[in-house]
């Protein structure tokens, strides 16, 4: 499946079912709130950073999982249901957090080693959530191994998908510094919600294609 077809499919899906944006909107809103001046004053810079890391580690797997299951509802001809997607994620929540923690530890360590190893590992472990939720893999090592194998000979294509979504988001985020604080934070939350939802849908659809091929 071509990348442009995956992207068009993801955009079309969110236009028809805006509820897909809901999970990532919550995590983006929390991250923005914890990074605000009010939060920094109340918690202090150190605690604010710690809380944002906890949101990343504990909430992002949940929001990603809910988005994946909402997508599967739609493709199964069912109505997307937020409480139902939450219920489907929770039995796999601990393995999901664990596999993300291990993957991100490797990725962060890789970034400290001249950045390139971190980027490489980020792509190699990109399908860990899908492995746990759609592949039914609860063994952390096996989930990481399967993601690694699924990206073999496909690294460049997957990296291209990440660049398409992450680079514009990064550049736009930097440009928001000139906006008033409230407006800049609002735009940042909306853009993060949209881009993270789209990239999750694209990678999920790509994973299912690769899973069938492998």
N, C-alpha and C. Protein backbone atom coordinates (compact mmCIF):
# COMPACT_ATOMS: atom_id res chain seq x y z
N UNK A 1 0.84 -1.19 0.00
CA UNK A 1 0.00 0.00 0.00
C UNK A 1 0.89 1.25 0.00
N UNK A 2 0.56 2.21 -0.87
CA UNK A 2 1.37 3.41 -0.98
C UNK A 2 1.09 4.37 0.18
N UNK A 3 2.13 5.16 0.52
CA UNK A 3 2.03 6.07 1.65
C UNK A 3 0.92 7.09 1.45
N UNK A 4 0.82 7.64 0.22
CA UNK A 4 -0.21 8.66 -0.02
C UNK A 4 -1.61 8.09 0.15
N UNK A 5 -1.79 6.81 -0.18
CA UNK A 5 -3.10 6.18 0.01
C UNK A 5 -3.39 6.01 1.50
N UNK A 6 -2.37 5.64 2.29
CA UNK A 6 -2.55 5.51 3.73
C UNK A 6 -2.93 6.84 4.36
N UNK A 7 -2.25 7.90 3.94
CA UNK A 7 -2.53 9.22 4.50
C UNK A 7 -3.93 9.69 4.12
N UNK A 8 -4.29 9.53 2.86
CA UNK A 8 -5.63 9.92 2.42
C UNK A 8 -6.70 9.15 3.18
N UNK A 9 -6.45 7.87 3.41
CA UNK A 9 -7.41 7.05 4.15
C UNK A 9 -7.57 7.53 5.59
N UNK A 10 -6.45 7.89 6.23
CA UNK A 10 -6.50 8.36 7.62
C UNK A 10 -7.24 9.70 7.72
N UNK A 11 -6.93 10.62 6.78
CA UNK A 11 -7.59 11.93 6.80
C UNK A 11 -9.09 11.77 6.54
N UNK A 12 -9.44 10.94 5.57
CA UNK A 12 -10.85 10.71 5.23
C UNK A 12 -11.61 10.11 6.43
N UNK A 13 -10.93 9.22 7.13
CA UNK A 13 -11.56 8.56 8.28
C UNK A 13 -11.86 9.55 9.40
N UNK A 14 -10.91 10.46 9.67
CA UNK A 14 -11.14 11.43 10.74
C UNK A 14 -12.17 12.49 10.35
N UNK A 15 -12.26 12.78 9.05
CA UNK A 15 -13.30 13.71 8.60
C UNK A 15 -14.68 13.10 8.83
N UNK A 16 -14.81 11.81 8.55
CA UNK A 16 -16.09 11.13 8.73
C UNK A 16 -16.38 10.81 10.19
N UNK A 17 -15.32 10.60 10.98
CA UNK A 17 -15.49 10.24 12.39
C UNK A 17 -14.57 11.09 13.25
N UNK A 18 -14.96 12.34 13.53
CA UNK A 18 -14.11 13.24 14.33
C UNK A 18 -13.83 12.72 15.74
N UNK A 19 -14.65 11.76 16.21
CA UNK A 19 -14.43 11.20 17.55
C UNK A 19 -13.04 10.57 17.68
N UNK A 20 -12.42 10.23 16.55
CA UNK A 20 -11.07 9.66 16.57
C UNK A 20 -10.05 10.61 17.19
N UNK A 21 -10.35 11.91 17.17
CA UNK A 21 -9.42 12.89 17.72
C UNK A 21 -9.47 12.95 19.26
N UNK A 22 -10.54 12.42 19.85
CA UNK A 22 -10.78 12.62 21.28
C UNK A 22 -9.66 12.11 22.19
N UNK A 23 -9.16 10.86 22.02
CA UNK A 23 -8.13 10.37 22.96
C UNK A 23 -6.86 11.22 22.97
N UNK A 24 -6.33 11.56 21.80
CA UNK A 24 -5.09 12.34 21.77
C UNK A 24 -5.32 13.79 22.19
N UNK A 25 -6.55 14.28 22.04
CA UNK A 25 -6.84 15.64 22.52
C UNK A 25 -6.66 15.71 24.03
N UNK A 26 -7.10 14.68 24.73
CA UNK A 26 -6.98 14.66 26.20
C UNK A 26 -5.51 14.69 26.62
N UNK A 27 -4.68 13.84 26.01
CA UNK A 27 -3.27 13.79 26.39
C UNK A 27 -2.55 15.08 25.99
N UNK A 28 -2.88 15.66 24.83
CA UNK A 28 -2.27 16.92 24.40
C UNK A 28 -2.66 18.05 25.34
N UNK A 29 -3.91 18.06 25.77
CA UNK A 29 -4.40 19.10 26.68
C UNK A 29 -3.70 19.00 28.04
N UNK A 30 -3.54 17.78 28.55
CA UNK A 30 -2.85 17.60 29.83
C UNK A 30 -1.40 18.03 29.75
N UNK A 31 -0.72 17.65 28.67
CA UNK A 31 0.67 18.05 28.50
C UNK A 31 0.82 19.57 28.42
N UNK A 32 -0.09 20.21 27.69
CA UNK A 32 -0.04 21.67 27.59
C UNK A 32 -0.32 22.32 28.94
N UNK A 33 -1.25 21.76 29.70
CA UNK A 33 -1.59 22.31 31.02
C UNK A 33 -0.42 22.18 31.97
N UNK A 34 0.27 21.05 31.92
CA UNK A 34 1.40 20.82 32.83
C UNK A 34 2.62 21.63 32.43
N UNK A 35 2.64 22.11 31.19
CA UNK A 35 3.76 22.94 30.75
C UNK A 35 3.46 24.43 30.82
N UNK A 36 2.27 24.78 31.34
CA UNK A 36 1.88 26.19 31.40
C UNK A 36 2.58 26.91 32.54
N UNK A 37 2.54 28.24 32.49
CA UNK A 37 3.16 29.05 33.54
C UNK A 37 2.50 28.77 34.89
N UNK A 38 1.20 28.55 34.88
CA UNK A 38 0.49 28.28 36.13
C UNK A 38 0.97 26.98 36.77
N UNK A 39 1.15 25.96 35.92
CA UNK A 39 1.62 24.67 36.44
C UNK A 39 3.06 24.77 36.94
N UNK A 40 3.88 25.52 36.21
CA UNK A 40 5.27 25.69 36.63
C UNK A 40 5.35 26.41 37.97
N UNK A 41 4.45 27.38 38.18
CA UNK A 41 4.43 28.11 39.45
C UNK A 41 3.95 27.22 40.59
N UNK A 42 2.94 26.41 40.30
CA UNK A 42 2.35 25.57 41.34
C UNK A 42 3.25 24.39 41.72
N UNK A 43 3.80 23.72 40.71
CA UNK A 43 4.58 22.51 40.96
C UNK A 43 6.09 22.75 40.99
N UNK A 44 6.51 23.82 40.29
CA UNK A 44 7.94 24.03 40.11
C UNK A 44 8.38 23.34 38.83
N UNK A 45 9.40 23.85 38.15
CA UNK A 45 9.84 23.30 36.85
C UNK A 45 10.15 21.81 36.90
N UNK A 46 10.83 21.35 37.97
CA UNK A 46 11.21 19.94 38.07
C UNK A 46 10.02 19.02 38.12
N UNK A 47 9.05 19.34 39.00
CA UNK A 47 7.87 18.50 39.12
C UNK A 47 7.00 18.54 37.89
N UNK A 48 6.94 19.70 37.24
CA UNK A 48 6.16 19.82 36.01
C UNK A 48 6.71 18.89 34.93
N UNK A 49 8.03 18.84 34.80
CA UNK A 49 8.66 17.95 33.82
C UNK A 49 8.37 16.49 34.16
N UNK A 50 8.47 16.14 35.45
CA UNK A 50 8.20 14.76 35.88
C UNK A 50 6.77 14.37 35.55
N UNK A 51 5.82 15.27 35.82
CA UNK A 51 4.42 14.98 35.54
C UNK A 51 4.17 14.79 34.05
N UNK A 52 4.85 15.59 33.23
CA UNK A 52 4.70 15.46 31.78
C UNK A 52 5.27 14.13 31.29
N UNK A 53 6.36 13.69 31.88
CA UNK A 53 6.93 12.39 31.52
C UNK A 53 5.97 11.27 31.91
N UNK A 54 5.34 11.40 33.09
CA UNK A 54 4.36 10.39 33.53
C UNK A 54 3.17 10.33 32.58
N UNK A 55 2.73 11.50 32.11
CA UNK A 55 1.63 11.53 31.14
C UNK A 55 2.05 10.80 29.87
N UNK A 56 3.29 11.05 29.44
CA UNK A 56 3.80 10.41 28.23
C UNK A 56 3.84 8.89 28.38
N UNK A 57 4.34 8.42 29.53
CA UNK A 57 4.52 6.98 29.74
C UNK A 57 3.21 6.26 30.08
N UNK A 58 2.35 6.92 30.84
CA UNK A 58 1.14 6.25 31.33
C UNK A 58 -0.11 6.53 30.51
N UNK A 59 -0.20 7.73 29.94
CA UNK A 59 -1.43 8.09 29.23
C UNK A 59 -1.32 7.87 27.73
N UNK A 60 -0.15 8.12 27.14
CA UNK A 60 -0.01 7.98 25.69
C UNK A 60 -0.32 6.57 25.20
N UNK A 61 0.16 5.50 25.88
CA UNK A 61 -0.23 4.15 25.43
C UNK A 61 -1.74 3.94 25.46
N UNK A 62 -2.40 4.54 26.45
CA UNK A 62 -3.85 4.42 26.55
C UNK A 62 -4.55 5.15 25.41
N UNK A 63 -4.13 6.40 25.15
CA UNK A 63 -4.77 7.17 24.08
C UNK A 63 -4.49 6.56 22.72
N UNK A 64 -3.27 6.06 22.53
CA UNK A 64 -2.93 5.40 21.28
C UNK A 64 -3.77 4.14 21.10
N UNK A 65 -3.90 3.38 22.18
CA UNK A 65 -4.69 2.14 22.12
C UNK A 65 -6.15 2.41 21.84
N UNK A 66 -6.71 3.44 22.47
CA UNK A 66 -8.11 3.77 22.23
C UNK A 66 -8.32 4.19 20.77
N UNK A 67 -7.38 4.96 20.23
CA UNK A 67 -7.48 5.38 18.82
C UNK A 67 -7.45 4.17 17.90
N UNK A 68 -6.57 3.21 18.21
CA UNK A 68 -6.46 2.00 17.40
C UNK A 68 -7.77 1.22 17.42
N UNK A 69 -8.38 1.07 18.60
CA UNK A 69 -9.62 0.30 18.69
C UNK A 69 -10.81 1.05 18.11
N UNK A 70 -10.83 2.38 18.21
CA UNK A 70 -11.87 3.16 17.54
C UNK A 70 -11.79 2.95 16.03
N UNK A 71 -10.56 2.93 15.52
CA UNK A 71 -10.34 2.68 14.10
C UNK A 71 -10.83 1.29 13.70
N UNK A 72 -10.57 0.31 14.54
CA UNK A 72 -11.01 -1.06 14.24
C UNK A 72 -12.54 -1.16 14.30
N UNK A 73 -13.18 -0.42 15.21
CA UNK A 73 -14.64 -0.38 15.23
C UNK A 73 -15.19 0.08 13.89
N UNK A 74 -14.60 1.17 13.40
CA UNK A 74 -15.07 1.76 12.14
C UNK A 74 -14.90 0.79 10.98
N UNK A 75 -13.74 0.13 10.93
CA UNK A 75 -13.47 -0.78 9.82
C UNK A 75 -14.24 -2.10 9.95
N UNK A 76 -14.81 -2.34 11.11
CA UNK A 76 -15.65 -3.52 11.30
C UNK A 76 -17.12 -3.20 11.07
N UNK A 77 -17.40 -1.95 10.70
CA UNK A 77 -18.78 -1.55 10.46
C UNK A 77 -19.54 -1.20 11.72
N UNK A 78 -18.83 -1.05 12.85
CA UNK A 78 -19.46 -0.70 14.11
C UNK A 78 -19.35 0.80 14.35
N UNK A 79 -20.16 1.30 15.27
CA UNK A 79 -20.05 2.70 15.65
C UNK A 79 -18.88 2.85 16.62
N UNK A 80 -18.00 3.83 16.39
CA UNK A 80 -16.88 4.04 17.31
C UNK A 80 -17.39 4.43 18.69
N UNK A 81 -16.87 3.79 19.72
CA UNK A 81 -17.38 3.97 21.07
C UNK A 81 -16.21 4.20 22.03
N UNK A 82 -16.14 5.39 22.62
CA UNK A 82 -15.02 5.72 23.51
C UNK A 82 -14.95 4.83 24.75
N UNK A 83 -16.06 4.65 25.49
CA UNK A 83 -15.98 3.75 26.65
C UNK A 83 -15.62 2.32 26.26
N UNK A 84 -16.14 1.88 25.11
CA UNK A 84 -15.83 0.53 24.65
C UNK A 84 -14.37 0.36 24.29
N UNK A 85 -13.79 1.38 23.64
CA UNK A 85 -12.37 1.31 23.29
C UNK A 85 -11.50 1.33 24.54
N UNK A 86 -11.92 2.10 25.54
CA UNK A 86 -11.20 2.13 26.82
C UNK A 86 -11.22 0.74 27.47
N UNK A 87 -12.39 0.11 27.47
CA UNK A 87 -12.52 -1.23 28.07
C UNK A 87 -11.66 -2.26 27.35
N UNK A 88 -11.49 -2.10 26.04
CA UNK A 88 -10.67 -3.05 25.28
C UNK A 88 -9.18 -2.87 25.52
N UNK A 89 -8.78 -1.64 25.82
CA UNK A 89 -7.37 -1.38 26.07
C UNK A 89 -6.95 -1.86 27.45
N UNK A 90 -7.81 -1.69 28.45
CA UNK A 90 -7.41 -1.90 29.84
C UNK A 90 -6.87 -3.30 30.15
N UNK A 91 -7.41 -4.40 29.59
CA UNK A 91 -6.82 -5.72 29.88
C UNK A 91 -5.36 -5.83 29.44
N UNK A 92 -4.96 -5.03 28.46
CA UNK A 92 -3.59 -5.06 27.96
C UNK A 92 -2.78 -3.83 28.38
N UNK A 93 -3.32 -3.07 29.33
CA UNK A 93 -2.69 -1.79 29.66
C UNK A 93 -1.29 -1.96 30.26
N UNK A 94 -1.13 -2.86 31.21
CA UNK A 94 0.18 -3.04 31.84
C UNK A 94 1.25 -3.53 30.86
N UNK A 95 0.96 -4.56 30.03
CA UNK A 95 1.95 -4.92 29.01
C UNK A 95 2.25 -3.77 28.04
N UNK A 96 1.23 -2.97 27.76
CA UNK A 96 1.39 -1.84 26.85
C UNK A 96 2.34 -0.80 27.44
N UNK A 97 2.14 -0.48 28.72
CA UNK A 97 3.03 0.48 29.40
C UNK A 97 4.44 -0.08 29.48
N UNK A 98 4.54 -1.37 29.82
CA UNK A 98 5.86 -1.99 29.98
C UNK A 98 6.64 -2.00 28.68
N UNK A 99 5.99 -2.37 27.59
CA UNK A 99 6.69 -2.45 26.31
C UNK A 99 7.09 -1.05 25.83
N UNK A 100 6.25 -0.05 26.12
CA UNK A 100 6.59 1.33 25.76
C UNK A 100 7.75 1.84 26.61
N UNK A 101 7.77 1.47 27.89
CA UNK A 101 8.85 1.89 28.77
C UNK A 101 10.19 1.33 28.31
N UNK A 102 10.20 0.04 27.96
CA UNK A 102 11.43 -0.59 27.48
C UNK A 102 11.87 0.03 26.15
N UNK A 103 10.91 0.19 25.24
CA UNK A 103 11.23 0.76 23.93
C UNK A 103 11.77 2.18 24.07
N UNK A 104 11.11 3.01 24.87
CA UNK A 104 11.53 4.40 25.01
C UNK A 104 12.85 4.52 25.75
N UNK A 105 13.14 3.60 26.66
CA UNK A 105 14.44 3.61 27.32
C UNK A 105 15.55 3.41 26.29
N UNK A 106 15.35 2.44 25.40
CA UNK A 106 16.33 2.21 24.33
C UNK A 106 16.44 3.39 23.39
N UNK A 107 15.30 4.00 23.06
CA UNK A 107 15.29 5.13 22.13
C UNK A 107 16.02 6.33 22.73
N UNK A 108 15.72 6.63 24.01
CA UNK A 108 16.37 7.78 24.68
C UNK A 108 17.87 7.56 24.79
N UNK A 109 18.26 6.35 25.17
CA UNK A 109 19.70 6.04 25.24
C UNK A 109 20.34 6.18 23.85
N UNK A 110 19.61 5.76 22.83
CA UNK A 110 20.11 5.89 21.47
C UNK A 110 20.29 7.33 21.06
N UNK A 111 19.38 8.22 21.50
CA UNK A 111 19.51 9.64 21.17
C UNK A 111 20.74 10.26 21.82
N UNK A 112 21.10 9.75 23.00
CA UNK A 112 22.32 10.25 23.65
C UNK A 112 23.58 9.80 22.89
N UNK A 113 23.44 8.74 22.09
CA UNK A 113 24.57 8.25 21.30
C UNK A 113 24.53 8.85 19.89
N UNK A 114 24.68 10.16 19.84
CA UNK A 114 24.78 10.88 18.56
C UNK A 114 23.49 10.87 17.74
N UNK A 115 22.33 10.72 18.40
CA UNK A 115 21.00 10.90 17.81
C UNK A 115 20.62 9.79 16.82
N UNK A 116 21.48 9.47 15.88
CA UNK A 116 21.14 8.51 14.81
C UNK A 116 20.66 7.17 15.36
N UNK A 117 21.35 6.56 16.36
CA UNK A 117 20.83 5.29 16.90
C UNK A 117 19.43 5.43 17.50
N UNK A 118 19.14 6.60 18.10
CA UNK A 118 17.81 6.82 18.66
C UNK A 118 16.74 6.86 17.60
N UNK A 119 17.02 7.53 16.49
CA UNK A 119 16.08 7.59 15.37
C UNK A 119 15.86 6.20 14.80
N UNK A 120 16.96 5.46 14.66
CA UNK A 120 16.86 4.09 14.12
C UNK A 120 15.97 3.22 15.01
N UNK A 121 16.19 3.28 16.33
CA UNK A 121 15.40 2.46 17.25
C UNK A 121 13.95 2.92 17.31
N UNK A 122 13.73 4.23 17.18
CA UNK A 122 12.36 4.75 17.19
C UNK A 122 11.53 4.11 16.08
N UNK A 123 12.12 3.99 14.90
CA UNK A 123 11.43 3.37 13.78
C UNK A 123 11.28 1.86 14.00
N UNK A 124 12.32 1.22 14.51
CA UNK A 124 12.29 -0.24 14.69
C UNK A 124 11.24 -0.67 15.71
N UNK A 125 10.95 0.19 16.70
CA UNK A 125 9.98 -0.16 17.74
C UNK A 125 8.63 0.53 17.54
N UNK A 126 8.37 1.02 16.33
CA UNK A 126 7.18 1.83 16.07
C UNK A 126 5.89 1.03 16.17
N UNK A 127 5.95 -0.30 16.00
CA UNK A 127 4.74 -1.12 15.99
C UNK A 127 4.49 -1.85 17.31
N UNK A 128 5.14 -1.42 18.40
CA UNK A 128 4.99 -2.16 19.66
C UNK A 128 3.55 -2.11 20.18
N UNK A 129 2.89 -0.94 20.08
CA UNK A 129 1.50 -0.85 20.53
C UNK A 129 0.59 -1.77 19.72
N UNK A 130 0.78 -1.75 18.41
CA UNK A 130 -0.04 -2.61 17.54
C UNK A 130 0.21 -4.09 17.83
N UNK A 131 1.46 -4.43 18.15
CA UNK A 131 1.78 -5.82 18.45
C UNK A 131 1.02 -6.31 19.68
N UNK A 132 0.95 -5.46 20.70
CA UNK A 132 0.26 -5.84 21.93
C UNK A 132 -1.25 -5.87 21.71
N UNK A 133 -1.80 -4.83 21.07
CA UNK A 133 -3.25 -4.67 20.98
C UNK A 133 -3.88 -5.47 19.85
N UNK A 134 -3.22 -5.52 18.71
CA UNK A 134 -3.80 -6.22 17.55
C UNK A 134 -3.15 -7.58 17.31
N UNK A 135 -1.86 -7.69 17.65
CA UNK A 135 -1.16 -8.96 17.47
C UNK A 135 -1.34 -9.90 18.65
N UNK A 136 -1.89 -9.37 19.76
CA UNK A 136 -2.14 -10.20 20.93
C UNK A 136 -0.90 -10.63 21.67
N UNK A 137 0.21 -9.90 21.49
CA UNK A 137 1.47 -10.29 22.11
C UNK A 137 1.63 -9.62 23.48
N UNK A 138 1.66 -10.40 24.55
CA UNK A 138 1.81 -9.86 25.90
C UNK A 138 3.23 -10.00 26.42
N UNK A 139 4.07 -10.75 25.72
CA UNK A 139 5.47 -10.87 26.11
C UNK A 139 6.24 -9.66 25.57
N UNK A 140 6.84 -8.90 26.47
CA UNK A 140 7.50 -7.65 26.08
C UNK A 140 8.60 -7.89 25.05
N UNK A 141 9.45 -8.86 25.34
CA UNK A 141 10.57 -9.14 24.43
C UNK A 141 10.07 -9.53 23.05
N UNK A 142 9.03 -10.35 23.01
CA UNK A 142 8.48 -10.81 21.74
C UNK A 142 7.83 -9.66 20.97
N UNK A 143 7.14 -8.77 21.68
CA UNK A 143 6.51 -7.62 21.02
C UNK A 143 7.56 -6.72 20.38
N UNK A 144 8.65 -6.49 21.10
CA UNK A 144 9.74 -5.68 20.55
C UNK A 144 10.39 -6.38 19.36
N UNK A 145 10.58 -7.69 19.50
CA UNK A 145 11.19 -8.46 18.41
C UNK A 145 10.31 -8.46 17.17
N UNK A 146 9.00 -8.61 17.36
CA UNK A 146 8.09 -8.62 16.21
C UNK A 146 8.08 -7.27 15.50
N UNK A 147 8.05 -6.19 16.29
CA UNK A 147 8.11 -4.85 15.68
C UNK A 147 9.40 -4.67 14.90
N UNK A 148 10.48 -5.15 15.48
CA UNK A 148 11.79 -5.07 14.82
C UNK A 148 11.76 -5.81 13.48
N UNK A 149 11.19 -7.01 13.49
CA UNK A 149 11.14 -7.83 12.27
C UNK A 149 10.21 -7.22 11.22
N UNK A 150 9.08 -6.67 11.66
CA UNK A 150 8.13 -6.09 10.72
C UNK A 150 8.71 -4.87 9.99
N UNK A 151 9.66 -4.20 10.62
CA UNK A 151 10.24 -3.01 10.00
C UNK A 151 11.47 -3.33 9.14
N UNK A 152 11.90 -4.57 9.17
CA UNK A 152 13.05 -4.97 8.35
C UNK A 152 12.72 -4.79 6.87
N UNK A 153 13.61 -4.16 6.15
CA UNK A 153 13.46 -3.83 4.72
C UNK A 153 12.34 -2.82 4.45
N UNK A 154 11.79 -2.23 5.54
CA UNK A 154 10.75 -1.21 5.38
C UNK A 154 11.10 0.06 6.14
N UNK A 155 12.31 0.11 6.70
CA UNK A 155 12.70 1.22 7.57
C UNK A 155 12.55 2.57 6.89
N UNK A 156 13.01 2.67 5.65
CA UNK A 156 12.96 3.95 4.93
C UNK A 156 11.54 4.44 4.73
N UNK A 157 10.62 3.53 4.36
CA UNK A 157 9.23 3.93 4.13
C UNK A 157 8.57 4.41 5.42
N UNK A 158 8.83 3.70 6.52
CA UNK A 158 8.24 4.07 7.81
C UNK A 158 8.83 5.40 8.28
N UNK A 159 10.13 5.58 8.10
CA UNK A 159 10.77 6.84 8.47
C UNK A 159 10.18 8.00 7.68
N UNK A 160 9.85 7.75 6.43
CA UNK A 160 9.24 8.78 5.60
C UNK A 160 7.89 9.20 6.16
N UNK A 161 7.10 8.23 6.62
CA UNK A 161 5.80 8.53 7.22
C UNK A 161 5.98 9.41 8.45
N UNK A 162 6.96 9.06 9.29
CA UNK A 162 7.22 9.84 10.50
C UNK A 162 7.62 11.27 10.15
N UNK A 163 8.47 11.42 9.14
CA UNK A 163 8.90 12.75 8.72
C UNK A 163 7.72 13.59 8.23
N UNK A 164 6.83 12.96 7.49
CA UNK A 164 5.68 13.67 6.92
C UNK A 164 4.84 14.30 8.02
N UNK A 165 4.71 13.61 9.15
CA UNK A 165 3.86 14.11 10.23
C UNK A 165 4.62 14.88 11.31
N UNK A 166 5.77 14.37 11.71
CA UNK A 166 6.47 14.94 12.86
C UNK A 166 7.23 16.22 12.53
N UNK A 167 7.86 16.31 11.35
CA UNK A 167 8.64 17.50 11.01
C UNK A 167 7.76 18.75 10.90
N UNK A 168 6.64 18.70 10.15
CA UNK A 168 5.77 19.89 10.12
C UNK A 168 5.27 20.28 11.51
N UNK A 169 4.92 19.27 12.34
CA UNK A 169 4.44 19.56 13.70
C UNK A 169 5.53 20.26 14.51
N UNK A 170 6.77 19.79 14.36
CA UNK A 170 7.89 20.39 15.09
C UNK A 170 8.14 21.82 14.63
N UNK A 171 8.14 22.04 13.33
CA UNK A 171 8.39 23.37 12.79
C UNK A 171 7.28 24.36 13.18
N UNK A 172 6.04 23.89 13.10
CA UNK A 172 4.92 24.76 13.46
C UNK A 172 4.96 25.08 14.95
N UNK A 173 5.33 24.09 15.78
CA UNK A 173 5.40 24.31 17.22
C UNK A 173 6.42 25.40 17.56
N UNK A 174 7.55 25.39 16.87
CA UNK A 174 8.56 26.43 17.09
C UNK A 174 8.02 27.81 16.69
N UNK A 175 7.24 27.85 15.62
CA UNK A 175 6.73 29.13 15.13
C UNK A 175 5.63 29.71 16.02
N UNK A 176 5.06 28.88 16.91
CA UNK A 176 3.97 29.34 17.77
C UNK A 176 4.47 30.22 18.91
N UNK A 177 5.80 30.29 19.08
CA UNK A 177 6.36 31.08 20.17
C UNK A 177 6.02 32.55 20.07
N UNK A 178 5.74 33.04 18.87
CA UNK A 178 5.41 34.45 18.69
C UNK A 178 3.96 34.78 18.98
N UNK A 179 3.13 33.76 19.20
CA UNK A 179 1.71 34.00 19.48
C UNK A 179 1.50 34.28 20.96
N UNK A 180 0.40 34.93 21.33
CA UNK A 180 0.07 35.10 22.75
C UNK A 180 0.00 33.73 23.43
N UNK A 181 0.41 33.63 24.70
CA UNK A 181 0.50 32.32 25.39
C UNK A 181 -0.76 31.46 25.28
N UNK A 182 -1.91 32.04 25.51
CA UNK A 182 -3.15 31.24 25.47
C UNK A 182 -3.46 30.72 24.09
N UNK A 183 -3.31 31.60 23.08
CA UNK A 183 -3.58 31.20 21.69
C UNK A 183 -2.57 30.18 21.21
N UNK A 184 -1.28 30.40 21.53
CA UNK A 184 -0.23 29.47 21.12
C UNK A 184 -0.45 28.08 21.69
N UNK A 185 -0.84 28.01 22.97
CA UNK A 185 -1.09 26.71 23.62
C UNK A 185 -2.28 26.01 22.98
N UNK A 186 -3.33 26.78 22.66
CA UNK A 186 -4.53 26.18 22.05
C UNK A 186 -4.22 25.60 20.68
N UNK A 187 -3.50 26.39 19.87
CA UNK A 187 -3.13 25.91 18.53
C UNK A 187 -2.23 24.69 18.64
N UNK A 188 -1.31 24.70 19.59
CA UNK A 188 -0.40 23.56 19.78
C UNK A 188 -1.17 22.29 20.14
N UNK A 189 -2.15 22.42 21.03
CA UNK A 189 -2.97 21.26 21.43
C UNK A 189 -3.71 20.70 20.23
N UNK A 190 -4.31 21.58 19.43
CA UNK A 190 -5.09 21.14 18.27
C UNK A 190 -4.20 20.46 17.23
N UNK A 191 -3.05 21.05 16.95
CA UNK A 191 -2.14 20.48 15.95
C UNK A 191 -1.58 19.14 16.43
N UNK A 192 -1.19 19.07 17.69
CA UNK A 192 -0.68 17.81 18.24
C UNK A 192 -1.74 16.72 18.15
N UNK A 193 -2.97 17.07 18.49
CA UNK A 193 -4.08 16.11 18.43
C UNK A 193 -4.25 15.56 17.01
N UNK A 194 -4.29 16.46 16.04
CA UNK A 194 -4.53 16.06 14.65
C UNK A 194 -3.39 15.20 14.12
N UNK A 195 -2.15 15.68 14.28
CA UNK A 195 -1.00 14.97 13.71
C UNK A 195 -0.78 13.61 14.38
N UNK A 196 -0.91 13.55 15.72
CA UNK A 196 -0.70 12.28 16.42
C UNK A 196 -1.80 11.27 16.08
N UNK A 197 -3.01 11.74 15.91
CA UNK A 197 -4.11 10.84 15.51
C UNK A 197 -3.86 10.29 14.11
N UNK A 198 -3.51 11.17 13.19
CA UNK A 198 -3.27 10.73 11.81
C UNK A 198 -2.12 9.74 11.72
N UNK A 199 -1.00 10.02 12.40
CA UNK A 199 0.15 9.12 12.30
C UNK A 199 -0.17 7.77 12.95
N UNK A 200 -0.99 7.76 14.00
CA UNK A 200 -1.38 6.49 14.63
C UNK A 200 -2.24 5.67 13.67
N UNK A 201 -3.17 6.33 13.00
CA UNK A 201 -4.03 5.62 12.04
C UNK A 201 -3.23 5.09 10.86
N UNK A 202 -2.33 5.91 10.33
CA UNK A 202 -1.51 5.48 9.19
C UNK A 202 -0.65 4.28 9.56
N UNK A 203 0.00 4.34 10.72
CA UNK A 203 0.87 3.24 11.15
C UNK A 203 0.07 1.98 11.46
N UNK A 204 -1.14 2.15 11.99
CA UNK A 204 -2.00 0.98 12.26
C UNK A 204 -2.41 0.30 10.97
N UNK A 205 -2.80 1.09 9.98
CA UNK A 205 -3.19 0.51 8.70
C UNK A 205 -1.99 -0.17 8.02
N UNK A 206 -0.82 0.46 8.13
CA UNK A 206 0.40 -0.12 7.56
C UNK A 206 0.75 -1.41 8.29
N UNK A 207 0.63 -1.41 9.61
CA UNK A 207 0.92 -2.62 10.40
C UNK A 207 0.05 -3.80 9.95
N UNK A 208 -1.23 -3.54 9.74
CA UNK A 208 -2.14 -4.62 9.36
C UNK A 208 -1.78 -5.19 7.98
N UNK A 209 -1.34 -4.30 7.08
CA UNK A 209 -0.89 -4.76 5.76
C UNK A 209 0.36 -5.63 5.92
N UNK A 210 1.32 -5.15 6.70
CA UNK A 210 2.58 -5.89 6.91
C UNK A 210 2.31 -7.21 7.63
N UNK A 211 1.41 -7.17 8.61
CA UNK A 211 1.09 -8.38 9.39
C UNK A 211 0.57 -9.49 8.48
N UNK A 212 -0.27 -9.10 7.52
CA UNK A 212 -0.80 -10.09 6.57
C UNK A 212 0.31 -10.61 5.66
N UNK A 213 1.19 -9.70 5.22
CA UNK A 213 2.27 -10.10 4.32
C UNK A 213 3.27 -11.03 5.02
N UNK A 214 3.54 -10.77 6.31
CA UNK A 214 4.54 -11.56 7.04
C UNK A 214 3.97 -12.86 7.61
